[in-house]
Amino acid sequence: MSSPVQRWCVALAALAAFAAATAASALERGEFQAGLYTAPGQVFTVRSPLGPHALVIDSFDRNAGAVTFLDQQGDLFGVICTPSFDVLAGAKNDFETDAAILRNWLHEATFPLFFERQLPGASILTEGPASFERKPAWIAVMRLPHGSSRVRSDPATGLPSREDSYRGIVVFSRGELTYLIMTETAPEQDWNAFLPRLADFYRGMDFQGLAPVPVDPQLANALDSGT
C-alpha cells in the first residue's frame, strides 16, 4: 500500500471512532441551521430530510468525515466523505472503471474501517454498479448488527437492545472527493427500494466550489439502459 493511501486509511480510521465515542477536540463539527447542514470548510451542504429538529451527529478532519441525521422514530440519513481513494476517481473513465474505483473505495477502506471495525459482524448483503442521477455509482445494502437507533427489549434478558440496521447506500465521486450516502431500508423489500429516498436526499446536497459537469447524452442513455 502506497504512503498516501496509508495516510488516507489512518485518517479514516481515526474518523470512524466518532461512531463509538464522542469526537476528539481536534475534530471539527459543521453548522446546522434551519434544516441545512454545512460541513466544515463548506466541503458540501445538505438539507436534512428529517426536518430542522433532527438529531445531528457529525465529525470532520478537514475534508474527510461524516454526518448523520436521526429522528425519534429511528429514521436515519447519513453522508460519509473522504478524499478519493484512486487518482482516476472523477476523471473521464468508462462506466466499468468508475464502478470498480467506487467499489474499491467501499471495500478496501470505508467499510472495514468505518463500519466493520465499529460493529463486528457487519456485512455487505448485496451490491452492484448502477446509474445514480445519470452518473456512475456503486450501490449496496449492508447489515449492521445492533447498529440501529431503534431499541427493543431482548426477549431472553428483558434488557434494552439495539435492533440490527439494514442500510441502503450509494457511493459516488464528485471532484476530488468520494461520498457515501445512506438510509435505513427493510430487508424484506426489493434490494434497491431505498434508491428513491437517497435520490431525494442527494438533490438536497450542494458540492461547494464544483462547477456542474455536463453529462454526455450518449453516456447518460447507456447508463440508464444498462443498470
C-alpha atoms as a PDB file:
ATOM      1  CA  MET A   1       0.000   0.000   0.000  1.00  0.00           C
ATOM      2  CA  SER A   2       1.440   3.387  -1.017  1.00  0.00           C
ATOM      3  CA  SER A   3       2.219   6.046   1.546  1.00  0.00           C
ATOM      4  CA  PRO A   4      -0.651   8.428   0.538  1.00  0.00           C
ATOM      5  CA  VAL A   5      -3.134   5.563   0.759  1.00  0.00           C
ATOM      6  CA  GLN A   6      -1.718   4.544   4.137  1.00  0.00           C
ATOM      7  CA  ARG A   7      -2.209   8.091   5.447  1.00  0.00           C
ATOM      8  CA  TRP A   8      -5.727   8.156   3.996  1.00  0.00           C
ATOM      9  CA  CYS A   9      -6.637   4.881   5.748  1.00  0.00           C
ATOM     10  CA  VAL A  10      -5.205   6.082   9.058  1.00  0.00           C
ATOM     11  CA  ALA A  11      -7.222   9.294   8.827  1.00  0.00           C
ATOM     12  CA  LEU A  12     -10.401   7.390   8.022  1.00  0.00           C
ATOM     13  CA  ALA A  13      -9.814   5.004  10.925  1.00  0.00           C
ATOM     14  CA  ALA A  14      -9.476   7.949  13.301  1.00  0.00           C
ATOM     15  CA  LEU A  15     -12.677   9.478  11.989  1.00  0.00           C
ATOM     16  CA  ALA A  16     -14.525   6.183  12.323  1.00  0.00           C
ATOM     17  CA  ALA A  17     -14.027   6.323  16.076  1.00  0.00           C
ATOM     18  CA  PHE A  18     -16.660   9.039  16.361  1.00  0.00           C
ATOM     19  CA  ALA A  19     -19.324   6.386  15.747  1.00  0.00           C
ATOM     20  CA  ALA A  20     -18.424   4.769  19.060  1.00  0.00           C
ATOM     21  CA  ALA A  21     -17.365   7.733  21.202  1.00  0.00           C
ATOM     22  CA  THR A  22     -17.511  11.494  21.497  1.00  0.00           C
ATOM     23  CA  ALA A  23     -15.379  13.219  18.898  1.00  0.00           C
ATOM     24  CA  ALA A  24     -11.956  14.373  19.966  1.00  0.00           C
ATOM     25  CA  SER A  25     -11.485  18.103  20.374  1.00  0.00           C
ATOM     26  CA  ALA A  26      -9.151  18.154  17.357  1.00  0.00           C
ATOM     27  CA  LEU A  27     -12.029  17.144  15.081  1.00  0.00           C
ATOM     28  CA  GLU A  28     -14.455  19.692  13.678  1.00  0.00           C
ATOM     29  CA  ARG A  29     -18.242  19.899  13.530  1.00  0.00           C
ATOM     30  CA  GLY A  30     -20.347  21.579  10.904  1.00  0.00           C
ATOM     31  CA  GLU A  31     -23.205  24.060  11.254  1.00  0.00           C
ATOM     32  CA  PHE A  32     -26.884  23.080  11.263  1.00  0.00           C
ATOM     33  CA  GLN A  33     -29.304  25.959  10.825  1.00  0.00           C
ATOM     34  CA  ALA A  34     -32.950  25.894   9.664  1.00  0.00           C
ATOM     35  CA  GLY A  35     -32.558  22.316   8.458  1.00  0.00           C
ATOM     36  CA  LEU A  36     -29.450  22.960   6.340  1.00  0.00           C
ATOM     37  CA  TYR A  37     -26.150  21.322   7.327  1.00  0.00           C
ATOM     38  CA  THR A  38     -22.855  22.904   6.199  1.00  0.00           C
ATOM     39  CA  ALA A  39     -19.768  20.710   6.555  1.00  0.00           C
ATOM     40  CA  PRO A  40     -16.542  22.264   7.907  1.00  0.00           C
ATOM     41  CA  GLY A  41     -14.756  24.216   5.214  1.00  0.00           C
ATOM     42  CA  GLN A  42     -18.005  24.237   3.218  1.00  0.00           C
ATOM     43  CA  VAL A  43     -16.974  20.968   1.605  1.00  0.00           C
ATOM     44  CA  PHE A  44     -20.664  20.340   0.973  1.00  0.00           C
ATOM     45  CA  THR A  45     -24.079  21.342   2.232  1.00  0.00           C
ATOM     46  CA  VAL A  46     -27.049  19.031   2.657  1.00  0.00           C
ATOM     47  CA  ARG A  47     -30.649  19.607   3.676  1.00  0.00           C
ATOM     48  CA  SER A  48     -31.941  17.353   6.437  1.00  0.00           C
ATOM     49  CA  PRO A  49     -34.706  15.068   5.117  1.00  0.00           C
ATOM     50  CA  LEU A  50     -35.914  14.784   8.732  1.00  0.00           C
ATOM     51  CA  GLY A  51     -36.555  18.487   9.210  1.00  0.00           C
ATOM     52  CA  PRO A  52     -34.863  21.223  11.211  1.00  0.00           C
ATOM     53  CA  HIS A  53     -35.202  19.436  14.556  1.00  0.00           C
ATOM     54  CA  ALA A  54     -33.341  16.261  13.585  1.00  0.00           C
ATOM     55  CA  LEU A  55     -30.561  14.990  15.847  1.00  0.00           C
ATOM     56  CA  VAL A  56     -27.245  15.644  14.090  1.00  0.00           C
ATOM     57  CA  ILE A  57     -24.096  13.608  14.799  1.00  0.00           C
ATOM     58  CA  ASP A  58     -21.016  14.727  12.903  1.00  0.00           C
ATOM     59  CA  SER A  59     -17.228  14.801  12.942  1.00  0.00           C
ATOM     60  CA  PHE A  60     -14.703  16.009  10.346  1.00  0.00           C
ATOM     61  CA  ASP A  61     -10.967  16.306   9.894  1.00  0.00           C
ATOM     62  CA  ARG A  62     -10.582  18.883   7.133  1.00  0.00           C
ATOM     63  CA  ASN A  63     -12.371  17.428   4.076  1.00  0.00           C
ATOM     64  CA  ALA A  64     -12.980  13.944   5.487  1.00  0.00           C
ATOM     65  CA  GLY A  65     -15.729  12.997   7.889  1.00  0.00           C
ATOM     66  CA  ALA A  66     -19.365  12.059   8.343  1.00  0.00           C
ATOM     67  CA  VAL A  67     -22.732  13.457   9.345  1.00  0.00           C
ATOM     68  CA  THR A  68     -25.857  11.531  10.360  1.00  0.00           C
ATOM     69  CA  PHE A  69     -29.411  12.808  10.774  1.00  0.00           C
ATOM     70  CA  LEU A  70     -31.726  10.913  13.149  1.00  0.00           C
ATOM     71  CA  ASP A  71     -35.281  11.370  14.387  1.00  0.00           C
ATOM     72  CA  GLN A  72     -37.273   9.993  17.315  1.00  0.00           C
ATOM     73  CA  GLN A  73     -38.788   7.261  15.149  1.00  0.00           C
ATOM     74  CA  GLY A  74     -35.354   5.850  14.355  1.00  0.00           C
ATOM     75  CA  ASP A  75     -35.218   7.088  10.768  1.00  0.00           C
ATOM     76  CA  LEU A  76     -31.706   7.833   9.524  1.00  0.00           C
ATOM     77  CA  PHE A  77     -29.873   9.559   6.686  1.00  0.00           C
ATOM     78  CA  GLY A  78     -26.117   9.980   6.524  1.00  0.00           C
ATOM     79  CA  VAL A  79     -23.123  11.124   4.495  1.00  0.00           C
ATOM     80  CA  ILE A  80     -19.523   9.921   4.628  1.00  0.00           C
ATOM     81  CA  CYS A  81     -16.982  11.981   2.698  1.00  0.00           C
ATOM     82  CA  THR A  82     -13.259  11.422   2.095  1.00  0.00           C
ATOM     83  CA  PRO A  83     -10.593  12.294  -0.460  1.00  0.00           C
ATOM     84  CA  SER A  84     -10.858   9.868  -3.344  1.00  0.00           C
ATOM     85  CA  PHE A  85      -9.033   6.572  -2.956  1.00  0.00           C
ATOM     86  CA  ASP A  86      -7.936   6.431  -6.612  1.00  0.00           C
ATOM     87  CA  VAL A  87      -6.389   9.295  -8.604  1.00  0.00           C
ATOM     88  CA  LEU A  88      -8.685   8.356 -11.501  1.00  0.00           C
ATOM     89  CA  ALA A  89     -11.854   8.890  -9.444  1.00  0.00           C
ATOM     90  CA  GLY A  90     -13.968  11.583 -11.058  1.00  0.00           C
ATOM     91  CA  ALA A  91     -11.941  11.525 -14.292  1.00  0.00           C
ATOM     92  CA  LYS A  92     -13.421  10.739 -17.699  1.00  0.00           C
ATOM     93  CA  ASN A  93     -13.405   6.944 -17.430  1.00  0.00           C
ATOM     94  CA  ASP A  94     -15.643   4.289 -18.899  1.00  0.00           C
ATOM     95  CA  PHE A  95     -18.509   3.065 -16.744  1.00  0.00           C
ATOM     96  CA  GLU A  96     -16.784  -0.174 -15.688  1.00  0.00           C
ATOM     97  CA  THR A  97     -13.659   1.690 -14.498  1.00  0.00           C
ATOM     98  CA  ASP A  98     -15.694   4.173 -12.478  1.00  0.00           C
ATOM     99  CA  ALA A  99     -17.705   1.374 -10.879  1.00  0.00           C
ATOM    100  CA  ALA A 100     -14.541  -0.552  -9.950  1.00  0.00           C
ATOM    101  CA  ILE A 101     -12.974   2.579  -8.383  1.00  0.00           C
ATOM    102  CA  LEU A 102     -16.072   3.184  -6.251  1.00  0.00           C
ATOM    103  CA  ARG A 103     -16.298  -0.470  -5.222  1.00  0.00           C
ATOM    104  CA  ASN A 104     -12.649  -0.443  -4.128  1.00  0.00           C
ATOM    105  CA  TRP A 105     -13.190   2.717  -2.046  1.00  0.00           C
ATOM    106  CA  LEU A 106     -16.003   0.933  -0.231  1.00  0.00           C
ATOM    107  CA  HIS A 107     -14.382  -2.487   0.181  1.00  0.00           C
ATOM    108  CA  GLU A 108     -10.751  -1.644   0.841  1.00  0.00           C
ATOM    109  CA  ALA A 109     -11.119   1.137   3.380  1.00  0.00           C
ATOM    110  CA  THR A 110     -14.508   2.648   4.135  1.00  0.00           C
ATOM    111  CA  PHE A 111     -16.483  -0.486   5.012  1.00  0.00           C
ATOM    112  CA  PRO A 112     -13.777  -2.243   7.075  1.00  0.00           C
ATOM    113  CA  LEU A 113     -12.568   0.908   8.868  1.00  0.00           C
ATOM    114  CA  PHE A 114     -15.797   2.789   9.359  1.00  0.00           C
ATOM    115  CA  PHE A 115     -18.446   0.082   9.726  1.00  0.00           C
ATOM    116  CA  GLU A 116     -16.870  -3.322  10.400  1.00  0.00           C
ATOM    117  CA  ARG A 117     -14.427  -2.004  12.997  1.00  0.00           C
ATOM    118  CA  GLN A 118     -17.243  -0.367  14.993  1.00  0.00           C
ATOM    119  CA  LEU A 119     -19.796  -3.175  14.553  1.00  0.00           C
ATOM    120  CA  PRO A 120     -18.110  -6.597  14.299  1.00  0.00           C
ATOM    121  CA  GLY A 121     -20.143  -8.915  12.121  1.00  0.00           C
ATOM    122  CA  ALA A 122     -21.175  -6.140   9.761  1.00  0.00           C
ATOM    123  CA  SER A 123     -21.616  -7.402   6.225  1.00  0.00           C
ATOM    124  CA  ILE A 124     -22.488  -6.285   2.719  1.00  0.00           C
ATOM    125  CA  LEU A 125     -25.530  -8.333   1.731  1.00  0.00           C
ATOM    126  CA  THR A 126     -25.851  -7.337  -1.908  1.00  0.00           C
ATOM    127  CA  GLU A 127     -24.243  -4.772  -4.185  1.00  0.00           C
ATOM    128  CA  GLY A 128     -23.567  -3.746  -7.741  1.00  0.00           C
ATOM    129  CA  PRO A 129     -22.865  -0.931 -10.213  1.00  0.00           C
ATOM    130  CA  ALA A 130     -25.655   1.473 -11.085  1.00  0.00           C
ATOM    131  CA  SER A 131     -26.539   4.766 -12.664  1.00  0.00           C
ATOM    132  CA  PHE A 132     -27.466   7.305  -9.976  1.00  0.00           C
ATOM    133  CA  GLU A 133     -28.621  10.747 -11.037  1.00  0.00           C
ATOM    134  CA  ARG A 134     -27.294   9.874 -14.501  1.00  0.00           C
ATOM    135  CA  LYS A 135     -23.757   9.230 -13.304  1.00  0.00           C
ATOM    136  CA  PRO A 136     -21.832   6.069 -12.329  1.00  0.00           C
ATOM    137  CA  ALA A 137     -22.291   4.815  -8.774  1.00  0.00           C
ATOM    138  CA  TRP A 138     -21.896   1.739  -6.603  1.00  0.00           C
ATOM    139  CA  ILE A 139     -24.953   0.737  -4.577  1.00  0.00           C
ATOM    140  CA  ALA A 140     -25.270  -1.799  -1.780  1.00  0.00           C
ATOM    141  CA  VAL A 141     -27.255  -2.967   1.231  1.00  0.00           C
ATOM    142  CA  MET A 142     -25.350  -3.529   4.488  1.00  0.00           C
ATOM    143  CA  ARG A 143     -26.386  -5.340   7.645  1.00  0.00           C
ATOM    144  CA  LEU A 144     -25.036  -3.710  10.814  1.00  0.00           C
ATOM    145  CA  PRO A 145     -25.638  -5.853  13.934  1.00  0.00           C
ATOM    146  CA  HIS A 146     -27.157  -3.706  16.706  1.00  0.00           C
ATOM    147  CA  GLY A 147     -26.496  -0.677  14.509  1.00  0.00           C
ATOM    148  CA  SER A 148     -29.994   0.806  14.507  1.00  0.00           C
ATOM    149  CA  SER A 149     -31.075   3.745  16.635  1.00  0.00           C
ATOM    150  CA  ARG A 150     -34.247   1.788  17.422  1.00  0.00           C
ATOM    151  CA  VAL A 151     -34.206  -0.082  20.738  1.00  0.00           C
ATOM    152  CA  ARG A 152     -36.300  -3.087  21.783  1.00  0.00           C
ATOM    153  CA  SER A 153     -36.365  -5.390  24.810  1.00  0.00           C
ATOM    154  CA  ASP A 154     -34.280  -8.520  24.464  1.00  0.00           C
ATOM    155  CA  PRO A 155     -36.745 -11.425  24.899  1.00  0.00           C
ATOM    156  CA  ALA A 156     -34.109 -13.507  26.703  1.00  0.00           C
ATOM    157  CA  THR A 157     -32.964 -10.893  29.227  1.00  0.00           C
ATOM    158  CA  GLY A 158     -35.634  -8.193  29.175  1.00  0.00           C
ATOM    159  CA  LEU A 159     -32.876  -5.619  28.792  1.00  0.00           C
ATOM    160  CA  PRO A 160     -32.950  -2.940  26.077  1.00  0.00           C
ATOM    161  CA  SER A 161     -31.025  -3.861  22.941  1.00  0.00           C
ATOM    162  CA  ARG A 162     -30.458  -2.014  19.687  1.00  0.00           C
ATOM    163  CA  GLU A 163     -32.054  -3.566  16.622  1.00  0.00           C
ATOM    164  CA  ASP A 164     -29.984  -4.557  13.606  1.00  0.00           C
ATOM    165  CA  SER A 165     -29.683  -1.870  10.966  1.00  0.00           C
ATOM    166  CA  TYR A 166     -30.073  -2.511   7.259  1.00  0.00           C
ATOM    167  CA  ARG A 167     -28.541   0.393   5.350  1.00  0.00           C
ATOM    168  CA  GLY A 168     -29.034   1.166   1.702  1.00  0.00           C
ATOM    169  CA  ILE A 169     -26.015   3.050   0.381  1.00  0.00           C
ATOM    170  CA  VAL A 170     -24.877   4.863  -2.752  1.00  0.00           C
ATOM    171  CA  VAL A 171     -21.179   5.604  -3.406  1.00  0.00           C
ATOM    172  CA  PHE A 172     -20.156   8.266  -5.934  1.00  0.00           C
ATOM    173  CA  SER A 173     -17.334  10.737  -6.637  1.00  0.00           C
ATOM    174  CA  ARG A 174     -17.635  14.483  -7.111  1.00  0.00           C
ATOM    175  CA  GLY A 175     -14.496  16.447  -7.833  1.00  0.00           C
ATOM    176  CA  GLU A 176     -11.609  15.119  -5.736  1.00  0.00           C
ATOM    177  CA  LEU A 177     -13.866  13.617  -3.067  1.00  0.00           C
ATOM    178  CA  THR A 178     -15.822  10.388  -2.797  1.00  0.00           C
ATOM    179  CA  TYR A 179     -19.125  10.229  -0.932  1.00  0.00           C
ATOM    180  CA  LEU A 180     -21.285   7.544   0.603  1.00  0.00           C
ATOM    181  CA  ILE A 181     -24.903   8.440   1.331  1.00  0.00           C
ATOM    182  CA  MET A 182     -27.119   6.052   3.284  1.00  0.00           C
ATOM    183  CA  THR A 183     -30.522   5.436   4.814  1.00  0.00           C
ATOM    184  CA  GLU A 184     -32.331   2.670   6.621  1.00  0.00           C
ATOM    185  CA  THR A 185     -34.051   0.072   4.447  1.00  0.00           C
ATOM    186  CA  ALA A 186     -36.181  -3.012   5.108  1.00  0.00           C
ATOM    187  CA  PRO A 187     -34.579  -6.394   4.312  1.00  0.00           C
ATOM    188  CA  GLU A 188     -37.872  -7.812   3.018  1.00  0.00           C
ATOM    189  CA  GLN A 189     -38.175  -5.100   0.308  1.00  0.00           C
ATOM    190  CA  ASP A 190     -36.669  -5.209  -3.158  1.00  0.00           C
ATOM    191  CA  TRP A 191     -32.971  -4.802  -2.517  1.00  0.00           C
ATOM    192  CA  ASN A 192     -32.712  -1.404  -4.228  1.00  0.00           C
ATOM    193  CA  ALA A 193     -36.016   0.007  -2.921  1.00  0.00           C
ATOM    194  CA  PHE A 194     -34.078   2.670  -0.975  1.00  0.00           C
ATOM    195  CA  LEU A 195     -32.858   4.461  -4.113  1.00  0.00           C
ATOM    196  CA  PRO A 196     -35.747   6.970  -4.443  1.00  0.00           C
ATOM    197  CA  ARG A 197     -35.199   8.086  -0.827  1.00  0.00           C
ATOM    198  CA  LEU A 198     -31.486   8.597  -1.427  1.00  0.00           C
ATOM    199  CA  ALA A 199     -32.149  10.358  -4.735  1.00  0.00           C
ATOM    200  CA  ASP A 200     -34.275  12.906  -2.862  1.00  0.00           C
ATOM    201  CA  PHE A 201     -31.550  13.212  -0.216  1.00  0.00           C
ATOM    202  CA  TYR A 202     -28.885  13.737  -2.887  1.00  0.00           C
ATOM    203  CA  ARG A 203     -30.913  16.509  -4.537  1.00  0.00           C
ATOM    204  CA  GLY A 204     -30.663  18.419  -1.254  1.00  0.00           C
ATOM    205  CA  MET A 205     -26.848  18.392  -1.491  1.00  0.00           C
ATOM    206  CA  ASP A 206     -24.590  21.081  -2.905  1.00  0.00           C
ATOM    207  CA  PHE A 207     -20.929  20.377  -3.550  1.00  0.00           C
ATOM    208  CA  GLN A 208     -19.203  23.685  -2.882  1.00  0.00           C
ATOM    209  CA  GLY A 209     -16.818  25.024  -5.490  1.00  0.00           C
ATOM    210  CA  LEU A 210     -17.664  22.343  -8.025  1.00  0.00           C
ATOM    211  CA  ALA A 211     -18.856  23.588 -11.392  1.00  0.00           C
ATOM    212  CA  PRO A 212     -21.624  21.467 -12.936  1.00  0.00           C
ATOM    213  CA  VAL A 213     -20.183  18.795 -15.214  1.00  0.00           C
ATOM    214  CA  PRO A 214     -22.256  18.326 -18.382  1.00  0.00           C
ATOM    215  CA  VAL A 215     -23.312  14.735 -18.945  1.00  0.00           C
ATOM    216  CA  ASP A 216     -22.744  13.333 -22.412  1.00  0.00           C
ATOM    217  CA  PRO A 217     -26.213  12.304 -23.724  1.00  0.00           C
ATOM    218  CA  GLN A 218     -24.917   9.022 -25.167  1.00  0.00           C
ATOM    219  CA  LEU A 219     -23.288   8.111 -21.834  1.00  0.00           C
ATOM    220  CA  ALA A 220     -26.460   9.030 -19.933  1.00  0.00           C
ATOM    221  CA  ASN A 221     -28.589   6.842 -22.207  1.00  0.00           C
ATOM    222  CA  ALA A 222     -26.129   3.955 -21.887  1.00  0.00           C
ATOM    223  CA  LEU A 223     -26.080   4.206 -18.108  1.00  0.00           C
ATOM    224  CA  ASP A 224     -29.854   4.431 -17.774  1.00  0.00           C
ATOM    225  CA  SER A 225     -30.459   1.489 -20.075  1.00  0.00           C
ATOM    226  CA  GLY A 226     -27.608  -0.628 -18.718  1.00  0.00           C
ATOM    227  CA  THR A 227     -28.431  -0.651 -14.995  1.00  0.00           C
END
